[in-house]
Each structure stands twice: as structure tokens, then as C-alpha cells.
C-alpha atoms as a PDB file:
ATOM      1  CA  MET A   1     -34.897  -8.461   8.792  1.00  0.00           C
ATOM      2  CA  GLN A   2     -36.288  -5.551   6.944  1.00  0.00           C
ATOM      3  CA  GLU A   3     -32.809  -4.728   5.574  1.00  0.00           C
ATOM      4  CA  ALA A   4     -33.117  -8.086   3.798  1.00  0.00           C
ATOM      5  CA  GLY A   5     -36.039  -7.251   2.306  1.00  0.00           C
ATOM      6  CA  VAL A   6     -38.250  -9.861   4.510  1.00  0.00           C
ATOM      7  CA  GLY A   7     -40.783  -8.552   6.968  1.00  0.00           C
ATOM      8  CA  LEU A   8     -43.008  -9.826   9.581  1.00  0.00           C
ATOM      9  CA  SER A   9     -46.771  -9.860   9.026  1.00  0.00           C
ATOM     10  CA  ALA A  10     -48.712  -7.993  11.992  1.00  0.00           C
ATOM     11  CA  ASP A  11     -49.480 -11.927  13.445  1.00  0.00           C
ATOM     12  CA  GLN A  12     -45.743 -12.514  13.694  1.00  0.00           C
ATOM     13  CA  GLU A  13     -44.790  -8.873  14.984  1.00  0.00           C
ATOM     14  CA  THR A  14     -47.496  -9.520  18.100  1.00  0.00           C
ATOM     15  CA  GLN A  15     -46.244 -13.230  18.427  1.00  0.00           C
ATOM     16  CA  ILE A  16     -42.743 -12.238  18.806  1.00  0.00           C
ATOM     17  CA  GLN A  17     -43.225  -8.936  20.753  1.00  0.00           C
ATOM     18  CA  GLY A  18     -44.972 -11.613  23.201  1.00  0.00           C
ATOM     19  CA  PHE A  19     -41.855 -13.583  23.551  1.00  0.00           C
ATOM     20  CA  TYR A  20     -39.825 -10.487  24.248  1.00  0.00           C
ATOM     21  CA  ASP A  21     -41.948  -9.130  26.644  1.00  0.00           C
ATOM     22  CA  GLU A  22     -42.151 -12.698  28.297  1.00  0.00           C
ATOM     23  CA  GLU A  23     -38.489 -12.879  28.508  1.00  0.00           C
ATOM     24  CA  ALA A  24     -38.364  -9.389  30.018  1.00  0.00           C
ATOM     25  CA  GLN A  25     -40.508 -10.719  32.891  1.00  0.00           C
ATOM     26  CA  GLN A  26     -38.463 -13.497  33.438  1.00  0.00           C
ATOM     27  CA  ARG A  27     -35.275 -11.490  33.585  1.00  0.00           C
ATOM     28  CA  ARG A  28     -36.754  -9.216  36.077  1.00  0.00           C
ATOM     29  CA  GLU A  29     -37.921 -12.243  38.104  1.00  0.00           C
ATOM     30  CA  ILE A  30     -34.366 -13.777  37.921  1.00  0.00           C
ATOM     31  CA  MET A  31     -32.749 -10.739  38.907  1.00  0.00           C
ATOM     32  CA  ARG A  32     -35.251  -9.814  41.923  1.00  0.00           C
ATOM     33  CA  SER A  33     -34.390 -13.484  43.428  1.00  0.00           C
ATOM     34  CA  GLY A  34     -30.699 -12.820  43.179  1.00  0.00           C
ATOM     35  CA  GLN A  35     -29.768 -15.272  41.150  1.00  0.00           C
ATOM     36  CA  ALA A  36     -28.694 -13.672  37.908  1.00  0.00           C
ATOM     37  CA  ASP A  37     -26.397 -16.537  36.528  1.00  0.00           C
ATOM     38  CA  PRO A  38     -25.057 -15.936  33.200  1.00  0.00           C
ATOM     39  CA  ALA A  39     -25.572 -19.834  32.051  1.00  0.00           C
ATOM     40  CA  LYS A  40     -29.740 -18.721  32.668  1.00  0.00           C
ATOM     41  CA  MET A  41     -29.866 -15.657  31.319  1.00  0.00           C
ATOM     42  CA  GLN A  42     -28.339 -17.203  28.004  1.00  0.00           C
ATOM     43  CA  ALA A  43     -30.620 -19.916  28.286  1.00  0.00           C
ATOM     44  CA  LEU A  44     -33.705 -17.951  28.613  1.00  0.00           C
ATOM     45  CA  THR A  45     -32.522 -15.653  25.312  1.00  0.00           C
ATOM     46  CA  GLY A  46     -32.160 -19.075  23.416  1.00  0.00           C
ATOM     47  CA  THR A  47     -35.702 -20.208  24.834  1.00  0.00           C
ATOM     48  CA  THR A  48     -36.740 -16.792  23.210  1.00  0.00           C
ATOM     49  CA  MET A  49     -35.341 -17.473  20.046  1.00  0.00           C
ATOM     50  CA  SER A  50     -36.089 -20.652  19.555  1.00  0.00           C
ATOM     51  CA  LYS A  51     -39.947 -19.425  19.772  1.00  0.00           C
ATOM     52  CA  ILE A  52     -38.754 -16.667  17.704  1.00  0.00           C
ATOM     53  CA  THR A  53     -37.592 -19.035  14.805  1.00  0.00           C
ATOM     54  CA  LYS A  54     -40.672 -21.287  15.215  1.00  0.00           C
ATOM     55  CA  THR A  55     -42.975 -18.499  13.920  1.00  0.00           C
ATOM     56  CA  LEU A  56     -40.755 -17.595  10.774  1.00  0.00           C
ATOM     57  CA  THR A  57     -40.897 -18.822   7.310  1.00  0.00           C
ATOM     58  CA  PRO A  58     -37.853 -20.369   5.999  1.00  0.00           C
ATOM     59  CA  GLU A  59     -36.920 -17.334   4.338  1.00  0.00           C
ATOM     60  CA  GLN A  60     -37.572 -15.095   7.125  1.00  0.00           C
ATOM     61  CA  LYS A  61     -35.241 -17.445   9.156  1.00  0.00           C
ATOM     62  CA  LYS A  62     -32.269 -17.007   6.005  1.00  0.00           C
ATOM     63  CA  ALA A  63     -32.481 -13.735   6.449  1.00  0.00           C
ATOM     64  CA  LEU A  64     -32.539 -13.824  10.126  1.00  0.00           C
ATOM     65  CA  LEU A  65     -29.307 -15.995  10.207  1.00  0.00           C
ATOM     66  CA  ASP A  66     -27.680 -13.884   7.746  1.00  0.00           C
ATOM     67  CA  SER A  67     -28.142 -10.992   9.746  1.00  0.00           C
ATOM     68  CA  MET A  68     -26.903 -12.933  13.291  1.00  0.00           C
ATOM     69  CA  LYS A  69     -23.685 -13.335  10.927  1.00  0.00           C
ATOM     70  CA  LYS A  70     -22.958  -9.953   9.923  1.00  0.00           C
ATOM     71  CA  PRO A  71     -20.362  -7.983  12.461  1.00  0.00           C
ATOM     72  CA  GLN A  72     -21.974  -5.632  14.294  1.00  0.00           C
ATOM     73  CA  GLN A  73     -21.538  -1.926  13.723  1.00  0.00           C
END
């Protein structure tokens, strides 16, 4: 999003980092349980992205979607 000229506020950065930390913890728990089902992992990622987009302004959401559409280099 920085590339698009749309940054995050300090509060947003803190919230989003918390979402990623929570996801990482849940992934570790899933891996330890031996139930590393790809569908569970994908659902976990989807839940995290949903939480993230709720913290963004409309302009930030657009920048995120635009960046996701670009091919990876």
C-alpha cells in the first residue's frame, strides 16, 4: 500500500500486526495438532484478511485490492 501512496496510521499498524500475530499462533496450533488441512489454513488467512480490511479506509481498501491484482514479481 505504501507503493500506492496510501500508508497506514500507527493504530492501524498495531491492529494489523495483532491480526497477523494471532494468525501465526493459530497456524502453530494447527500444525502441532497434526491437522494441517489446506482448507483450514486458507480459511484462517481469509479470516485475517477480513479483519484487516475492516480496519482500512475506502482508499486503503482500493489500494490493497489493486496491489493484489498485480502479478507478483
